[in-house]
Structures are given as structure tokens and as C-alpha cells.
N, C-alpha and C. Protein backbone atom coordinates (compact mmCIF):
# COMPACT_ATOMS: atom_id res chain seq x y z
N MET A 1 93.39 -54.76 -19.27
CA MET A 1 93.65 -54.13 -18.00
C MET A 1 94.00 -55.20 -16.95
N LYS A 2 93.24 -56.28 -16.97
CA LYS A 2 93.48 -57.35 -16.00
C LYS A 2 94.90 -57.93 -16.17
N ASP A 3 95.32 -58.15 -17.41
CA ASP A 3 96.67 -58.66 -17.67
C ASP A 3 97.74 -57.65 -17.26
N PHE A 4 97.48 -56.38 -17.49
CA PHE A 4 98.41 -55.32 -17.12
C PHE A 4 98.66 -55.32 -15.61
N ILE A 5 97.60 -55.37 -14.83
CA ILE A 5 97.72 -55.37 -13.37
C ILE A 5 98.42 -56.64 -12.90
N TYR A 6 98.10 -57.77 -13.50
CA TYR A 6 98.73 -59.04 -13.15
C TYR A 6 100.25 -58.95 -13.36
N LYS A 7 100.67 -58.37 -14.47
CA LYS A 7 102.10 -58.24 -14.76
C LYS A 7 102.79 -57.30 -13.77
N ILE A 8 102.11 -56.27 -13.35
CA ILE A 8 102.69 -55.36 -12.35
C ILE A 8 102.99 -56.13 -11.07
N TYR A 9 102.01 -56.90 -10.60
CA TYR A 9 102.17 -57.61 -9.32
C TYR A 9 103.10 -58.82 -9.41
N THR A 10 103.15 -59.48 -10.55
CA THR A 10 103.95 -60.71 -10.65
C THR A 10 105.33 -60.51 -11.26
N ALA A 11 105.53 -59.44 -12.00
CA ALA A 11 106.82 -59.24 -12.66
C ALA A 11 107.52 -57.95 -12.22
N TYR A 12 106.87 -56.81 -12.42
CA TYR A 12 107.53 -55.54 -12.19
C TYR A 12 107.88 -55.30 -10.72
N LEU A 13 106.90 -55.40 -9.83
CA LEU A 13 107.18 -55.14 -8.41
C LEU A 13 108.24 -56.07 -7.84
N PRO A 14 108.15 -57.39 -8.06
CA PRO A 14 109.21 -58.28 -7.55
C PRO A 14 110.58 -57.98 -8.17
N ALA A 15 110.63 -57.67 -9.46
CA ALA A 15 111.91 -57.39 -10.12
C ALA A 15 112.59 -56.15 -9.55
N GLN A 16 111.78 -55.19 -9.09
CA GLN A 16 112.30 -53.95 -8.53
C GLN A 16 112.44 -54.01 -7.00
N HIS A 17 112.12 -55.18 -6.42
CA HIS A 17 112.15 -55.39 -4.96
C HIS A 17 111.25 -54.39 -4.23
N ILE A 18 110.10 -54.12 -4.84
CA ILE A 18 109.13 -53.19 -4.26
C ILE A 18 108.09 -54.00 -3.49
N ILE A 19 107.82 -53.57 -2.28
CA ILE A 19 106.86 -54.27 -1.42
C ILE A 19 105.56 -53.47 -1.36
N ARG A 20 104.48 -54.16 -1.61
CA ARG A 20 103.16 -53.53 -1.53
C ARG A 20 102.77 -53.41 -0.07
N ARG A 21 102.23 -52.25 0.30
CA ARG A 21 101.77 -52.09 1.67
C ARG A 21 100.25 -52.24 1.72
N LYS A 22 99.71 -52.30 2.91
CA LYS A 22 98.27 -52.43 3.09
C LYS A 22 97.58 -51.17 2.55
N GLY A 23 96.49 -51.36 1.88
CA GLY A 23 95.74 -50.25 1.31
C GLY A 23 95.07 -50.69 0.03
N ILE A 24 94.39 -49.77 -0.59
CA ILE A 24 93.66 -50.10 -1.82
C ILE A 24 94.38 -49.52 -3.03
N ASP A 25 94.21 -50.17 -4.16
CA ASP A 25 94.69 -49.64 -5.43
C ASP A 25 93.67 -48.61 -5.90
N VAL A 26 94.16 -47.57 -6.56
CA VAL A 26 93.27 -46.50 -7.04
C VAL A 26 93.42 -46.39 -8.55
N GLU A 27 92.28 -46.36 -9.24
CA GLU A 27 92.25 -46.18 -10.68
C GLU A 27 91.63 -44.81 -10.98
N MET A 28 92.30 -44.03 -11.82
CA MET A 28 91.75 -42.74 -12.24
C MET A 28 91.65 -42.74 -13.76
N TYR A 29 90.48 -42.38 -14.25
CA TYR A 29 90.23 -42.33 -15.69
C TYR A 29 89.91 -40.89 -16.09
N GLN A 30 90.37 -40.52 -17.28
CA GLN A 30 90.06 -39.20 -17.80
C GLN A 30 89.88 -39.29 -19.31
N ARG A 31 88.79 -38.73 -19.80
CA ARG A 31 88.55 -38.71 -21.24
C ARG A 31 89.62 -37.86 -21.90
N GLN A 32 90.17 -38.33 -23.01
CA GLN A 32 91.26 -37.62 -23.70
C GLN A 32 90.84 -36.24 -24.19
N SER A 33 89.67 -36.16 -24.78
CA SER A 33 89.21 -34.89 -25.33
C SER A 33 87.69 -34.88 -25.32
N LYS A 34 87.13 -33.77 -24.95
CA LYS A 34 85.67 -33.64 -24.95
C LYS A 34 85.13 -33.66 -26.38
N LYS A 35 85.99 -33.34 -27.35
CA LYS A 35 85.58 -33.35 -28.75
C LYS A 35 85.49 -34.76 -29.31
N ILE A 36 86.19 -35.69 -28.69
CA ILE A 36 86.26 -37.05 -29.22
C ILE A 36 85.37 -37.97 -28.37
N LYS A 37 84.11 -37.74 -28.34
CA LYS A 37 83.20 -38.53 -27.51
C LYS A 37 83.01 -39.94 -28.03
N LYS A 38 82.98 -40.11 -29.33
CA LYS A 38 82.69 -41.43 -29.91
C LYS A 38 83.90 -42.36 -29.92
N SER A 39 85.11 -41.82 -29.84
CA SER A 39 86.30 -42.67 -29.94
C SER A 39 86.51 -43.49 -28.67
N GLY A 40 86.09 -42.98 -27.55
CA GLY A 40 86.26 -43.70 -26.30
C GLY A 40 87.69 -43.68 -25.78
N MET A 41 88.54 -42.79 -26.28
CA MET A 41 89.91 -42.73 -25.82
C MET A 41 89.96 -42.11 -24.43
N ILE A 42 90.71 -42.78 -23.55
CA ILE A 42 90.86 -42.30 -22.18
C ILE A 42 92.31 -42.39 -21.75
N SER A 43 92.64 -41.66 -20.69
CA SER A 43 93.92 -41.81 -20.00
C SER A 43 93.62 -42.54 -18.71
N LEU A 44 94.55 -43.38 -18.29
CA LEU A 44 94.36 -44.16 -17.07
C LEU A 44 95.58 -44.03 -16.20
N TRP A 45 95.35 -43.75 -14.94
CA TRP A 45 96.41 -43.77 -13.93
C TRP A 45 96.05 -44.85 -12.94
N TYR A 46 97.04 -45.66 -12.57
CA TYR A 46 96.80 -46.78 -11.64
C TYR A 46 97.82 -46.64 -10.52
N PHE A 47 97.33 -46.43 -9.31
CA PHE A 47 98.19 -46.21 -8.15
C PHE A 47 98.16 -47.42 -7.22
N ILE A 48 99.34 -47.87 -6.82
CA ILE A 48 99.47 -49.02 -5.92
C ILE A 48 100.22 -48.54 -4.68
N PRO A 49 99.67 -48.81 -3.50
CA PRO A 49 100.37 -48.41 -2.29
C PRO A 49 101.61 -49.30 -2.07
N ILE A 50 102.77 -48.66 -1.94
CA ILE A 50 104.00 -49.41 -1.74
C ILE A 50 104.75 -48.84 -0.55
N LEU A 51 105.72 -49.61 -0.07
CA LEU A 51 106.56 -49.15 1.03
C LEU A 51 107.75 -48.41 0.49
């Protein structure tokens, strides 16, 4: 996760000329299935405030 966020800020945003605005990043997690408790599979959404 740490490497993923680092790549967003150092590669993707600059390559797309996207400017981050003031604010906090938001992480949302959701378990994939209530039936799969032991697998630990989740969905992740990561929101970055941009201009």
C-alpha cells in the first residue's frame, strides 16, 4: 500500500499534470464477501483531493 501511494504521488499525478489540493486523503475498505471471513480479501478505494 505504501509503495502504491508513493507511485501515485511521484509518477501518476505529475505525468497527468494533476495538482493535489489542500485536504486529507481518504481510504475506504470493504470486505469482499461476508462468507469469506478467513481469506481477508477486501476492496480498497483511495481518494486524493485534486484541483
